[in-house]
Amino acid sequence: MVKRKKVAIFVDWENLRKGVFEEASKKYPTQISFNDPENSLQLIKSFIISDEEEIYRIFFYLAEPFGGRLRGINYSQTPTYQHSMVFIEKIEAQELVAVRRGELVVRGFDQNADPIFVQKKVDMLLGLDIAHVSFNKLADRIMVLCADTDIIPAMKTARINGLQVIFGWCSDIQSEIRKDLKRHSDFIRDRKFQAIFPNALQASAAAIP
């Protein structure tokens, strides 16, 4: 029996939420909620080849929602804050999932006087974890679910240390992969969103009058 490869999966949640789930909702008649951890994990695990690989751990990077006061609004009392915190608590309780929390900070206001929030620490945490896994040979492969080129130095570190790098994407949802991301990957693994959630999409389409 051939030993299965251990895969450490690194997920930039903001990237996955906006780049896949929100884009899918524009293309398909879907009611698939990204606030449901089961949906997130179903998508993530679909990239694993079950008879060849096993999950070492899923590293999940996100920023805690802003919970301070701003212009008379207590953000910790808003539905967005509460839904986000429930999601974080549920996802970090799942098997083989390690949540790394960054933070949201305010970087000014837009033309409608709404605050502009920016993630902090997430990229640094992600890069450090990839380096740690690579230096200590904790896995055979890493899988990256993040289309941000800021992750490239960490991908290069993994390859230099002998790990294979898998770049995961959904070609029916996401735009063309950037050349630099392809260049620093060993495998490009494509999964179609509609194939990951066929029953949900069919049910949503049937519900449209």
N, C-alpha and C. Protein backbone atom coordinates (compact mmCIF):
# COMPACT_ATOMS: atom_id res chain seq x y z
N MET A 1 0.84 -1.20 0.00
CA MET A 1 0.00 0.00 0.00
C MET A 1 0.88 1.26 0.00
N VAL A 2 0.61 2.14 -0.95
CA VAL A 2 1.39 3.36 -1.08
C VAL A 2 0.96 4.36 0.00
N LYS A 3 1.96 4.90 0.68
CA LYS A 3 1.66 5.88 1.72
C LYS A 3 1.14 7.16 1.10
N ARG A 4 0.07 7.68 1.67
CA ARG A 4 -0.52 8.91 1.13
C ARG A 4 0.30 10.13 1.54
N LYS A 5 0.32 11.11 0.66
CA LYS A 5 1.04 12.36 0.90
C LYS A 5 0.26 13.22 1.90
N LYS A 6 0.98 13.79 2.86
CA LYS A 6 0.35 14.72 3.80
C LYS A 6 0.32 16.12 3.19
N VAL A 7 -0.87 16.72 3.24
CA VAL A 7 -1.05 18.03 2.63
C VAL A 7 -1.48 19.04 3.70
N ALA A 8 -0.71 20.11 3.82
CA ALA A 8 -1.10 21.24 4.67
C ALA A 8 -1.80 22.27 3.79
N ILE A 9 -3.01 22.64 4.15
CA ILE A 9 -3.82 23.54 3.33
C ILE A 9 -3.84 24.92 3.97
N PHE A 10 -3.55 25.93 3.17
CA PHE A 10 -3.50 27.31 3.66
C PHE A 10 -4.57 28.12 2.94
N VAL A 11 -5.53 28.60 3.73
CA VAL A 11 -6.72 29.26 3.18
C VAL A 11 -6.78 30.72 3.60
N ASP A 12 -6.71 31.61 2.62
CA ASP A 12 -6.97 33.04 2.87
C ASP A 12 -8.48 33.22 2.75
N TRP A 13 -9.16 33.29 3.90
CA TRP A 13 -10.61 33.27 3.89
C TRP A 13 -11.23 34.46 3.15
N GLU A 14 -10.67 35.64 3.33
CA GLU A 14 -11.21 36.81 2.65
C GLU A 14 -11.13 36.63 1.14
N ASN A 15 -10.03 36.07 0.69
CA ASN A 15 -9.83 35.82 -0.73
C ASN A 15 -10.81 34.78 -1.26
N LEU A 16 -11.00 33.73 -0.48
CA LEU A 16 -11.91 32.65 -0.89
C LEU A 16 -13.36 33.11 -0.84
N ARG A 17 -13.70 33.86 0.18
CA ARG A 17 -15.08 34.34 0.33
C ARG A 17 -15.47 35.25 -0.82
N LYS A 18 -14.62 36.24 -1.09
CA LYS A 18 -14.95 37.19 -2.16
C LYS A 18 -14.72 36.62 -3.55
N GLY A 19 -13.59 35.92 -3.70
CA GLY A 19 -13.22 35.45 -5.03
C GLY A 19 -13.97 34.25 -5.53
N VAL A 20 -14.51 33.45 -4.60
CA VAL A 20 -15.23 32.24 -5.02
C VAL A 20 -16.70 32.31 -4.63
N PHE A 21 -17.01 32.35 -3.34
CA PHE A 21 -18.41 32.30 -2.93
C PHE A 21 -19.23 33.48 -3.43
N GLU A 22 -18.72 34.69 -3.28
CA GLU A 22 -19.48 35.86 -3.72
C GLU A 22 -19.57 35.92 -5.25
N GLU A 23 -18.50 35.54 -5.94
CA GLU A 23 -18.55 35.52 -7.40
C GLU A 23 -19.50 34.44 -7.90
N ALA A 24 -19.53 33.31 -7.19
CA ALA A 24 -20.45 32.23 -7.58
C ALA A 24 -21.90 32.67 -7.46
N SER A 25 -22.20 33.47 -6.43
CA SER A 25 -23.58 33.93 -6.23
C SER A 25 -24.02 34.87 -7.36
N LYS A 26 -23.06 35.47 -8.06
CA LYS A 26 -23.39 36.34 -9.20
C LYS A 26 -23.64 35.51 -10.46
N LYS A 27 -22.98 34.35 -10.54
CA LYS A 27 -23.06 33.54 -11.75
C LYS A 27 -24.15 32.47 -11.69
N TYR A 28 -24.34 31.88 -10.52
CA TYR A 28 -25.28 30.78 -10.37
C TYR A 28 -26.44 31.18 -9.46
N PRO A 29 -27.61 30.58 -9.67
CA PRO A 29 -28.75 30.83 -8.77
C PRO A 29 -28.56 30.03 -7.48
N THR A 30 -27.66 30.50 -6.64
CA THR A 30 -27.28 29.70 -5.48
C THR A 30 -27.66 30.37 -4.16
N GLN A 31 -28.03 29.53 -3.22
CA GLN A 31 -28.29 29.98 -1.86
C GLN A 31 -27.21 29.43 -0.92
N ILE A 32 -26.07 29.06 -1.47
CA ILE A 32 -24.98 28.50 -0.68
C ILE A 32 -24.35 29.60 0.16
N SER A 33 -24.43 29.46 1.46
CA SER A 33 -23.95 30.50 2.36
C SER A 33 -22.49 30.27 2.74
N PHE A 34 -21.68 31.32 2.59
CA PHE A 34 -20.28 31.21 3.02
C PHE A 34 -20.17 31.31 4.53
N ASN A 35 -21.27 31.66 5.21
CA ASN A 35 -21.26 31.71 6.67
C ASN A 35 -21.48 30.33 7.31
N ASP A 36 -21.69 29.33 6.47
CA ASP A 36 -21.86 27.96 6.96
C ASP A 36 -20.52 27.24 6.83
N PRO A 37 -19.88 26.89 7.95
CA PRO A 37 -18.57 26.23 7.89
C PRO A 37 -18.58 24.95 7.06
N GLU A 38 -19.70 24.24 7.03
CA GLU A 38 -19.76 23.00 6.25
C GLU A 38 -19.54 23.27 4.77
N ASN A 39 -20.09 24.39 4.28
CA ASN A 39 -19.88 24.74 2.88
C ASN A 39 -18.43 25.07 2.60
N SER A 40 -17.82 25.83 3.51
CA SER A 40 -16.42 26.21 3.33
C SER A 40 -15.53 24.97 3.31
N LEU A 41 -15.75 24.06 4.24
CA LEU A 41 -14.92 22.86 4.32
C LEU A 41 -15.19 21.91 3.15
N GLN A 42 -16.42 21.87 2.68
CA GLN A 42 -16.73 21.04 1.52
C GLN A 42 -15.93 21.51 0.30
N LEU A 43 -15.87 22.82 0.12
CA LEU A 43 -15.11 23.36 -1.00
C LEU A 43 -13.62 23.08 -0.82
N ILE A 44 -13.10 23.35 0.37
CA ILE A 44 -11.66 23.17 0.62
C ILE A 44 -11.24 21.71 0.43
N LYS A 45 -12.01 20.79 1.00
CA LYS A 45 -11.64 19.38 0.94
C LYS A 45 -11.82 18.78 -0.44
N SER A 46 -12.59 19.43 -1.30
CA SER A 46 -12.78 18.91 -2.65
C SER A 46 -11.48 18.92 -3.45
N PHE A 47 -10.49 19.69 -3.03
CA PHE A 47 -9.22 19.77 -3.74
C PHE A 47 -8.27 18.63 -3.39
N ILE A 48 -8.62 17.86 -2.36
CA ILE A 48 -7.79 16.74 -1.95
C ILE A 48 -8.11 15.50 -2.78
N ILE A 49 -7.07 14.79 -3.23
CA ILE A 49 -7.24 13.51 -3.92
C ILE A 49 -7.21 12.43 -2.84
N SER A 50 -8.37 11.89 -2.52
CA SER A 50 -8.52 11.07 -1.31
C SER A 50 -7.68 9.80 -1.31
N ASP A 51 -7.47 9.15 -2.45
CA ASP A 51 -6.70 7.91 -2.45
C ASP A 51 -5.19 8.15 -2.58
N GLU A 52 -4.81 9.42 -2.68
CA GLU A 52 -3.39 9.75 -2.81
C GLU A 52 -2.89 10.65 -1.68
N GLU A 53 -3.81 11.41 -1.09
CA GLU A 53 -3.42 12.43 -0.12
C GLU A 53 -4.27 12.34 1.15
N GLU A 54 -3.73 12.90 2.22
CA GLU A 54 -4.47 13.09 3.45
C GLU A 54 -4.16 14.48 3.99
N ILE A 55 -5.12 15.04 4.71
CA ILE A 55 -4.95 16.39 5.23
C ILE A 55 -4.11 16.36 6.50
N TYR A 56 -3.03 17.12 6.50
CA TYR A 56 -2.26 17.31 7.73
C TYR A 56 -3.00 18.30 8.62
N ARG A 57 -3.33 19.45 8.09
CA ARG A 57 -4.10 20.44 8.83
C ARG A 57 -4.57 21.52 7.84
N ILE A 58 -5.72 22.11 8.14
CA ILE A 58 -6.22 23.23 7.36
C ILE A 58 -5.97 24.50 8.17
N PHE A 59 -5.08 25.34 7.67
CA PHE A 59 -4.79 26.62 8.32
C PHE A 59 -5.70 27.68 7.70
N PHE A 60 -6.47 28.30 8.55
CA PHE A 60 -7.54 29.18 8.10
C PHE A 60 -7.25 30.61 8.58
N TYR A 61 -7.04 31.52 7.65
CA TYR A 61 -6.62 32.88 8.00
C TYR A 61 -7.75 33.87 7.73
N LEU A 62 -8.06 34.64 8.77
CA LEU A 62 -9.13 35.63 8.63
C LEU A 62 -8.90 36.77 9.62
N ALA A 63 -9.59 37.84 9.41
CA ALA A 63 -9.53 38.97 10.33
C ALA A 63 -10.80 39.00 11.16
N GLU A 64 -10.63 39.17 12.47
CA GLU A 64 -11.82 39.32 13.30
C GLU A 64 -12.57 40.57 12.88
N PRO A 65 -13.89 40.54 12.91
CA PRO A 65 -14.66 41.73 12.52
C PRO A 65 -14.40 42.89 13.47
N PHE A 66 -14.52 44.08 12.96
CA PHE A 66 -14.33 45.29 13.76
C PHE A 66 -15.45 45.39 14.78
N GLY A 67 -15.07 45.48 16.05
CA GLY A 67 -16.09 45.51 17.10
C GLY A 67 -16.07 46.77 17.94
N GLY A 68 -15.39 47.80 17.46
CA GLY A 68 -15.31 49.04 18.22
C GLY A 68 -16.46 50.00 17.91
N ARG A 69 -16.33 51.19 18.45
CA ARG A 69 -17.32 52.25 18.20
C ARG A 69 -16.76 53.21 17.16
N LEU A 70 -17.62 53.64 16.26
CA LEU A 70 -17.19 54.55 15.21
C LEU A 70 -18.38 55.40 14.78
N ARG A 71 -18.22 56.69 14.95
CA ARG A 71 -19.27 57.64 14.57
C ARG A 71 -20.64 57.27 15.15
N GLY A 72 -20.61 56.91 16.43
CA GLY A 72 -21.85 56.62 17.14
C GLY A 72 -22.39 55.22 16.95
N ILE A 73 -21.70 54.39 16.19
CA ILE A 73 -22.16 53.00 15.96
C ILE A 73 -21.28 52.04 16.73
N ASN A 74 -21.92 51.18 17.51
CA ASN A 74 -21.22 50.11 18.21
C ASN A 74 -21.24 48.88 17.29
N TYR A 75 -20.13 48.65 16.62
CA TYR A 75 -20.08 47.59 15.61
C TYR A 75 -20.23 46.19 16.20
N SER A 76 -19.94 46.04 17.48
CA SER A 76 -20.08 44.72 18.10
C SER A 76 -21.54 44.31 18.24
N GLN A 77 -22.45 45.25 18.03
CA GLN A 77 -23.87 44.94 18.14
C GLN A 77 -24.53 44.76 16.76
N THR A 78 -23.75 44.87 15.71
CA THR A 78 -24.32 44.75 14.36
C THR A 78 -24.46 43.29 13.95
N PRO A 79 -25.43 42.97 13.07
CA PRO A 79 -25.58 41.59 12.59
C PRO A 79 -24.33 41.07 11.90
N THR A 80 -23.64 41.92 11.15
CA THR A 80 -22.43 41.49 10.46
C THR A 80 -21.38 40.99 11.44
N TYR A 81 -21.17 41.74 12.51
CA TYR A 81 -20.20 41.35 13.53
C TYR A 81 -20.60 40.02 14.17
N GLN A 82 -21.86 39.92 14.54
CA GLN A 82 -22.32 38.72 15.24
C GLN A 82 -22.27 37.48 14.35
N HIS A 83 -22.66 37.61 13.07
CA HIS A 83 -22.60 36.48 12.15
C HIS A 83 -21.15 36.04 11.94
N SER A 84 -20.26 37.02 11.83
CA SER A 84 -18.85 36.71 11.61
C SER A 84 -18.25 35.97 12.80
N MET A 85 -18.58 36.40 14.01
CA MET A 85 -18.03 35.76 15.19
C MET A 85 -18.58 34.34 15.36
N VAL A 86 -19.83 34.14 15.03
CA VAL A 86 -20.40 32.78 15.09
C VAL A 86 -19.68 31.87 14.10
N PHE A 87 -19.43 32.39 12.89
CA PHE A 87 -18.72 31.59 11.89
C PHE A 87 -17.32 31.23 12.39
N ILE A 88 -16.59 32.19 12.94
CA ILE A 88 -15.24 31.93 13.42
C ILE A 88 -15.25 30.87 14.52
N GLU A 89 -16.16 30.99 15.44
CA GLU A 89 -16.24 30.02 16.55
C GLU A 89 -16.56 28.62 16.04
N LYS A 90 -17.41 28.53 15.02
CA LYS A 90 -17.78 27.22 14.48
C LYS A 90 -16.65 26.61 13.66
N ILE A 91 -15.98 27.43 12.84
CA ILE A 91 -14.95 26.87 11.97
C ILE A 91 -13.74 26.43 12.77
N GLU A 92 -13.41 27.14 13.85
CA GLU A 92 -12.22 26.76 14.62
C GLU A 92 -12.47 25.53 15.49
N ALA A 93 -13.73 25.11 15.59
CA ALA A 93 -14.06 23.90 16.35
C ALA A 93 -14.05 22.64 15.47
N GLN A 94 -13.83 22.81 14.17
CA GLN A 94 -13.84 21.68 13.25
C GLN A 94 -12.54 20.88 13.34
N GLU A 95 -12.60 19.61 13.01
CA GLU A 95 -11.42 18.75 13.06
C GLU A 95 -10.37 19.20 12.05
N LEU A 96 -9.12 19.16 12.47
CA LEU A 96 -7.96 19.47 11.64
C LEU A 96 -7.93 20.91 11.13
N VAL A 97 -8.66 21.80 11.80
CA VAL A 97 -8.67 23.21 11.41
C VAL A 97 -7.97 24.05 12.47
N ALA A 98 -7.05 24.88 12.02
CA ALA A 98 -6.38 25.83 12.91
C ALA A 98 -6.65 27.23 12.39
N VAL A 99 -7.35 28.03 13.17
CA VAL A 99 -7.69 29.40 12.77
C VAL A 99 -6.62 30.36 13.24
N ARG A 100 -6.17 31.21 12.34
CA ARG A 100 -5.22 32.27 12.66
C ARG A 100 -5.95 33.60 12.47
N ARG A 101 -6.00 34.39 13.52
CA ARG A 101 -6.79 35.62 13.48
C ARG A 101 -5.94 36.87 13.33
N GLY A 102 -6.25 37.63 12.31
CA GLY A 102 -5.70 38.96 12.17
C GLY A 102 -6.72 39.95 12.73
N GLU A 103 -6.68 41.18 12.24
CA GLU A 103 -7.63 42.17 12.71
C GLU A 103 -7.99 43.13 11.58
N LEU A 104 -9.13 43.80 11.75
CA LEU A 104 -9.55 44.83 10.81
C LEU A 104 -9.26 46.19 11.44
N VAL A 105 -8.70 47.07 10.64
CA VAL A 105 -8.46 48.43 11.11
C VAL A 105 -9.10 49.40 10.11
N VAL A 106 -9.44 50.57 10.59
CA VAL A 106 -10.08 51.57 9.73
C VAL A 106 -9.02 52.38 9.00
N ARG A 107 -9.17 52.48 7.69
CA ARG A 107 -8.24 53.25 6.88
C ARG A 107 -8.98 54.35 6.12
N GLY A 108 -9.71 55.16 6.86
CA GLY A 108 -10.42 56.27 6.25
C GLY A 108 -11.87 55.95 5.92
N PHE A 109 -12.47 56.80 5.10
CA PHE A 109 -13.89 56.66 4.76
C PHE A 109 -14.06 56.86 3.26
N ASP A 110 -15.08 56.18 2.72
CA ASP A 110 -15.34 56.32 1.29
C ASP A 110 -16.23 57.53 1.02
N GLN A 111 -16.65 57.69 -0.23
CA GLN A 111 -17.42 58.86 -0.62
C GLN A 111 -18.81 58.89 0.01
N ASN A 112 -19.25 57.74 0.53
CA ASN A 112 -20.55 57.69 1.22
C ASN A 112 -20.39 57.81 2.73
N ALA A 113 -19.18 58.15 3.16
CA ALA A 113 -18.84 58.30 4.57
C ALA A 113 -18.88 56.97 5.33
N ASP A 114 -18.80 55.86 4.59
CA ASP A 114 -18.70 54.55 5.23
C ASP A 114 -17.23 54.23 5.49
N PRO A 115 -16.94 53.59 6.61
CA PRO A 115 -15.53 53.27 6.92
C PRO A 115 -14.93 52.26 5.94
N ILE A 116 -13.66 52.44 5.66
CA ILE A 116 -12.92 51.51 4.83
C ILE A 116 -12.06 50.65 5.76
N PHE A 117 -12.36 49.35 5.79
CA PHE A 117 -11.64 48.43 6.66
C PHE A 117 -10.54 47.70 5.88
N VAL A 118 -9.41 47.50 6.53
CA VAL A 118 -8.28 46.81 5.93
C VAL A 118 -7.80 45.71 6.86
N GLN A 119 -7.52 44.53 6.29
CA GLN A 119 -6.98 43.43 7.08
C GLN A 119 -5.52 43.69 7.44
N LYS A 120 -5.16 43.34 8.66
CA LYS A 120 -3.78 43.43 9.12
C LYS A 120 -3.35 42.09 9.71
N LYS A 121 -2.09 41.76 9.56
CA LYS A 121 -1.42 40.59 10.15
C LYS A 121 -1.68 39.28 9.40
N VAL A 122 -2.75 39.21 8.60
CA VAL A 122 -3.13 37.94 7.98
C VAL A 122 -2.03 37.40 7.07
N ASP A 123 -1.50 38.22 6.18
CA ASP A 123 -0.46 37.77 5.25
C ASP A 123 0.79 37.32 6.01
N MET A 124 1.14 38.05 7.06
CA MET A 124 2.32 37.68 7.84
C MET A 124 2.12 36.34 8.53
N LEU A 125 0.96 36.12 9.12
CA LEU A 125 0.68 34.85 9.79
C LEU A 125 0.72 33.69 8.81
N LEU A 126 0.16 33.90 7.64
CA LEU A 126 0.13 32.86 6.62
C LEU A 126 1.54 32.50 6.18
N GLY A 127 2.34 33.50 5.88
CA GLY A 127 3.70 33.25 5.45
C GLY A 127 4.54 32.56 6.50
N LEU A 128 4.39 32.95 7.76
CA LEU A 128 5.15 32.33 8.84
C LEU A 128 4.78 30.86 9.01
N ASP A 129 3.49 30.55 8.89
CA ASP A 129 3.06 29.16 9.05
C ASP A 129 3.57 28.28 7.91
N ILE A 130 3.54 28.80 6.68
CA ILE A 130 4.08 28.03 5.56
C ILE A 130 5.57 27.77 5.78
N ALA A 131 6.30 28.78 6.24
CA ALA A 131 7.73 28.62 6.52
C ALA A 131 7.95 27.57 7.62
N HIS A 132 7.14 27.62 8.67
CA HIS A 132 7.29 26.66 9.78
C HIS A 132 7.05 25.24 9.31
N VAL A 133 5.98 25.04 8.57
CA VAL A 133 5.66 23.70 8.06
C VAL A 133 6.77 23.21 7.13
N SER A 134 7.30 24.12 6.31
CA SER A 134 8.34 23.76 5.34
C SER A 134 9.66 23.42 6.01
N PHE A 135 10.11 24.29 6.92
CA PHE A 135 11.40 24.08 7.58
C PHE A 135 11.40 22.78 8.40
N ASN A 136 10.26 22.47 8.99
CA ASN A 136 10.17 21.30 9.87
C ASN A 136 9.63 20.06 9.17
N LYS A 137 9.42 20.16 7.86
CA LYS A 137 8.97 19.01 7.05
C LYS A 137 7.74 18.34 7.67
N LEU A 138 6.77 19.15 8.05
CA LEU A 138 5.56 18.63 8.69
C LEU A 138 4.57 18.05 7.68
N ALA A 139 4.79 18.34 6.41
CA ALA A 139 3.90 17.84 5.37
C ALA A 139 4.74 17.55 4.13
N ASP A 140 4.14 16.83 3.18
CA ASP A 140 4.82 16.56 1.91
C ASP A 140 4.48 17.62 0.87
N ARG A 141 3.29 18.15 1.00
CA ARG A 141 2.80 19.14 0.06
C ARG A 141 2.07 20.25 0.81
N ILE A 142 2.08 21.44 0.24
CA ILE A 142 1.18 22.46 0.74
C ILE A 142 0.21 22.80 -0.38
N MET A 143 -1.00 23.15 0.01
CA MET A 143 -2.00 23.61 -0.94
C MET A 143 -2.36 25.05 -0.59
N VAL A 144 -2.35 25.90 -1.57
CA VAL A 144 -2.63 27.31 -1.37
C VAL A 144 -3.97 27.66 -1.99
N LEU A 145 -4.88 28.18 -1.18
CA LEU A 145 -6.15 28.70 -1.67
C LEU A 145 -6.13 30.20 -1.42
N CYS A 146 -5.43 30.88 -2.28
CA CYS A 146 -5.23 32.32 -2.16
C CYS A 146 -4.68 32.81 -3.49
N ALA A 147 -5.35 33.78 -4.10
CA ALA A 147 -4.92 34.28 -5.41
C ALA A 147 -4.09 35.55 -5.30
N ASP A 148 -3.67 35.89 -4.10
CA ASP A 148 -2.88 37.10 -3.87
C ASP A 148 -1.40 36.79 -4.07
N THR A 149 -0.74 37.55 -4.94
CA THR A 149 0.68 37.29 -5.23
C THR A 149 1.59 37.56 -4.04
N ASP A 150 1.09 38.16 -2.98
CA ASP A 150 1.91 38.36 -1.77
C ASP A 150 2.35 37.03 -1.16
N ILE A 151 1.67 35.96 -1.54
CA ILE A 151 1.99 34.66 -0.96
C ILE A 151 3.16 33.99 -1.67
N ILE A 152 3.62 34.53 -2.79
CA ILE A 152 4.66 33.90 -3.59
C ILE A 152 5.95 33.63 -2.81
N PRO A 153 6.49 34.56 -2.01
CA PRO A 153 7.71 34.24 -1.26
C PRO A 153 7.55 33.01 -0.36
N ALA A 154 6.38 32.85 0.23
CA ALA A 154 6.14 31.67 1.07
C ALA A 154 6.08 30.40 0.22
N MET A 155 5.49 30.49 -0.96
CA MET A 155 5.44 29.33 -1.86
C MET A 155 6.86 28.93 -2.27
N LYS A 156 7.70 29.92 -2.56
CA LYS A 156 9.08 29.64 -2.93
C LYS A 156 9.83 28.98 -1.77
N THR A 157 9.56 29.43 -0.55
CA THR A 157 10.19 28.85 0.63
C THR A 157 9.84 27.36 0.76
N ALA A 158 8.57 27.04 0.52
CA ALA A 158 8.14 25.64 0.60
C ALA A 158 8.88 24.77 -0.42
N ARG A 159 8.99 25.26 -1.64
CA ARG A 159 9.65 24.47 -2.69
C ARG A 159 11.14 24.33 -2.42
N ILE A 160 11.76 25.39 -1.95
CA ILE A 160 13.19 25.33 -1.63
C ILE A 160 13.48 24.26 -0.58
N ASN A 161 12.51 24.08 0.33
CA ASN A 161 12.67 23.11 1.41
C ASN A 161 12.13 21.72 1.06
N GLY A 162 11.84 21.51 -0.20
CA GLY A 162 11.49 20.16 -0.67
C GLY A 162 10.02 19.81 -0.71
N LEU A 163 9.14 20.75 -0.36
CA LEU A 163 7.71 20.48 -0.39
C LEU A 163 7.15 20.83 -1.77
N GLN A 164 6.16 20.07 -2.20
CA GLN A 164 5.47 20.38 -3.45
C GLN A 164 4.34 21.35 -3.16
N VAL A 165 4.10 22.26 -4.10
CA VAL A 165 3.10 23.30 -3.93
C VAL A 165 1.95 23.10 -4.90
N ILE A 166 0.75 23.02 -4.35
CA ILE A 166 -0.48 22.90 -5.14
C ILE A 166 -1.21 24.23 -5.07
N PHE A 167 -1.60 24.73 -6.22
CA PHE A 167 -2.41 25.95 -6.25
C PHE A 167 -3.83 25.55 -6.65
N GLY A 168 -4.80 25.82 -5.77
CA GLY A 168 -6.18 25.44 -6.03
C GLY A 168 -7.02 26.61 -6.51
N TRP A 169 -7.87 26.35 -7.51
CA TRP A 169 -8.75 27.41 -7.98
C TRP A 169 -9.99 26.80 -8.63
N CYS A 170 -11.02 27.62 -8.78
CA CYS A 170 -12.27 27.19 -9.42
C CYS A 170 -12.38 27.93 -10.75
N SER A 171 -12.09 27.23 -11.83
CA SER A 171 -11.98 27.90 -13.13
C SER A 171 -13.31 28.41 -13.66
N ASP A 172 -14.42 27.87 -13.15
CA ASP A 172 -15.71 28.38 -13.62
C ASP A 172 -16.14 29.64 -12.88
N ILE A 173 -15.36 30.03 -11.88
CA ILE A 173 -15.68 31.22 -11.08
C ILE A 173 -14.58 32.26 -11.15
N GLN A 174 -13.35 31.83 -10.92
CA GLN A 174 -12.23 32.75 -10.81
C GLN A 174 -11.65 33.11 -12.18
N SER A 175 -11.02 34.26 -12.24
CA SER A 175 -10.38 34.70 -13.47
C SER A 175 -9.08 33.93 -13.68
N GLU A 176 -8.41 34.17 -14.77
CA GLU A 176 -7.18 33.47 -15.10
C GLU A 176 -6.14 33.62 -13.99
N ILE A 177 -5.45 32.53 -13.71
CA ILE A 177 -4.40 32.56 -12.68
C ILE A 177 -3.24 33.42 -13.16
N ARG A 178 -2.72 34.22 -12.26
CA ARG A 178 -1.57 35.06 -12.61
C ARG A 178 -0.35 34.19 -12.90
N LYS A 179 0.45 34.62 -13.85
CA LYS A 179 1.61 33.84 -14.29
C LYS A 179 2.58 33.56 -13.15
N ASP A 180 2.79 34.53 -12.26
CA ASP A 180 3.73 34.32 -11.16
C ASP A 180 3.28 33.21 -10.23
N LEU A 181 1.97 33.11 -10.02
CA LEU A 181 1.44 32.05 -9.16
C LEU A 181 1.62 30.69 -9.82
N LYS A 182 1.43 30.62 -11.12
CA LYS A 182 1.66 29.37 -11.84
C LYS A 182 3.14 28.98 -11.77
N ARG A 183 3.99 29.96 -11.95
CA ARG A 183 5.44 29.72 -12.02
C ARG A 183 5.97 29.11 -10.73
N HIS A 184 5.38 29.47 -9.62
CA HIS A 184 5.89 29.01 -8.33
C HIS A 184 5.04 27.89 -7.73
N SER A 185 4.24 27.24 -8.57
CA SER A 185 3.45 26.08 -8.16
C SER A 185 3.94 24.84 -8.88
N ASP A 186 3.79 23.70 -8.22
CA ASP A 186 4.11 22.43 -8.87
C ASP A 186 2.89 21.86 -9.58
N PHE A 187 1.72 22.08 -9.00
CA PHE A 187 0.48 21.58 -9.59
C PHE A 187 -0.59 22.67 -9.55
N ILE A 188 -1.34 22.80 -10.62
CA ILE A 188 -2.53 23.64 -10.63
C ILE A 188 -3.72 22.69 -10.57
N ARG A 189 -4.47 22.78 -9.49
CA ARG A 189 -5.59 21.84 -9.29
C ARG A 189 -6.91 22.59 -9.43
N ASP A 190 -7.65 22.22 -10.44
CA ASP A 190 -8.89 22.91 -10.79
C ASP A 190 -10.10 22.12 -10.30
N ARG A 191 -11.00 22.82 -9.63
CA ARG A 191 -12.28 22.23 -9.23
C ARG A 191 -13.39 23.19 -9.64
N LYS A 192 -14.42 22.67 -10.28
CA LYS A 192 -15.54 23.50 -10.70
C LYS A 192 -16.52 23.66 -9.54
N PHE A 193 -16.90 24.91 -9.27
CA PHE A 193 -17.83 25.20 -8.18
C PHE A 193 -19.12 24.42 -8.36
N GLN A 194 -19.61 24.37 -9.58
CA GLN A 194 -20.89 23.69 -9.83
C GLN A 194 -20.78 22.17 -9.62
N ALA A 195 -19.55 21.63 -9.71
CA ALA A 195 -19.36 20.21 -9.44
C ALA A 195 -19.21 19.94 -7.95
N ILE A 196 -18.76 20.92 -7.20
CA ILE A 196 -18.60 20.77 -5.75
C ILE A 196 -19.96 20.81 -5.05
N PHE A 197 -20.87 21.66 -5.56
CA PHE A 197 -22.19 21.84 -4.94
C PHE A 197 -23.32 21.57 -5.93
N PRO A 198 -23.33 20.41 -6.60
CA PRO A 198 -24.35 20.17 -7.63
C PRO A 198 -25.78 20.14 -7.09
N ASN A 199 -25.97 19.50 -5.96
CA ASN A 199 -27.33 19.38 -5.41
C ASN A 199 -27.89 20.72 -4.98
N ALA A 200 -27.05 21.52 -4.33
CA ALA A 200 -27.49 22.84 -3.86
C ALA A 200 -27.83 23.75 -5.02
N LEU A 201 -27.03 23.69 -6.08
CA LEU A 201 -27.28 24.55 -7.24
C LEU A 201 -28.55 24.13 -7.96
N GLN A 202 -28.77 22.83 -8.06
CA GLN A 202 -29.98 22.33 -8.72
C GLN A 202 -31.22 22.73 -7.92
N ALA A 203 -31.12 22.61 -6.60
CA ALA A 203 -32.26 22.98 -5.74
C ALA A 203 -32.56 24.47 -5.85
N SER A 204 -31.50 25.28 -5.90
CA SER A 204 -31.68 26.74 -6.00
C SER A 204 -32.30 27.11 -7.33
N ALA A 205 -31.86 26.46 -8.40
CA ALA A 205 -32.41 26.75 -9.72
C ALA A 205 -33.88 26.36 -9.80
N ALA A 206 -34.22 25.21 -9.18
CA ALA A 206 -35.61 24.74 -9.21
C ALA A 206 -36.54 25.65 -8.42
N ALA A 207 -35.99 26.36 -7.44
CA ALA A 207 -36.81 27.23 -6.59
C ALA A 207 -37.13 28.55 -7.25
N ILE A 208 -36.45 28.89 -8.35
CA ILE A 208 -36.71 30.15 -9.03
C ILE A 208 -38.01 30.05 -9.82
N PRO A 209 -38.99 30.95 -9.59
CA PRO A 209 -40.27 30.86 -10.29
C PRO A 209 -40.12 31.15 -11.79
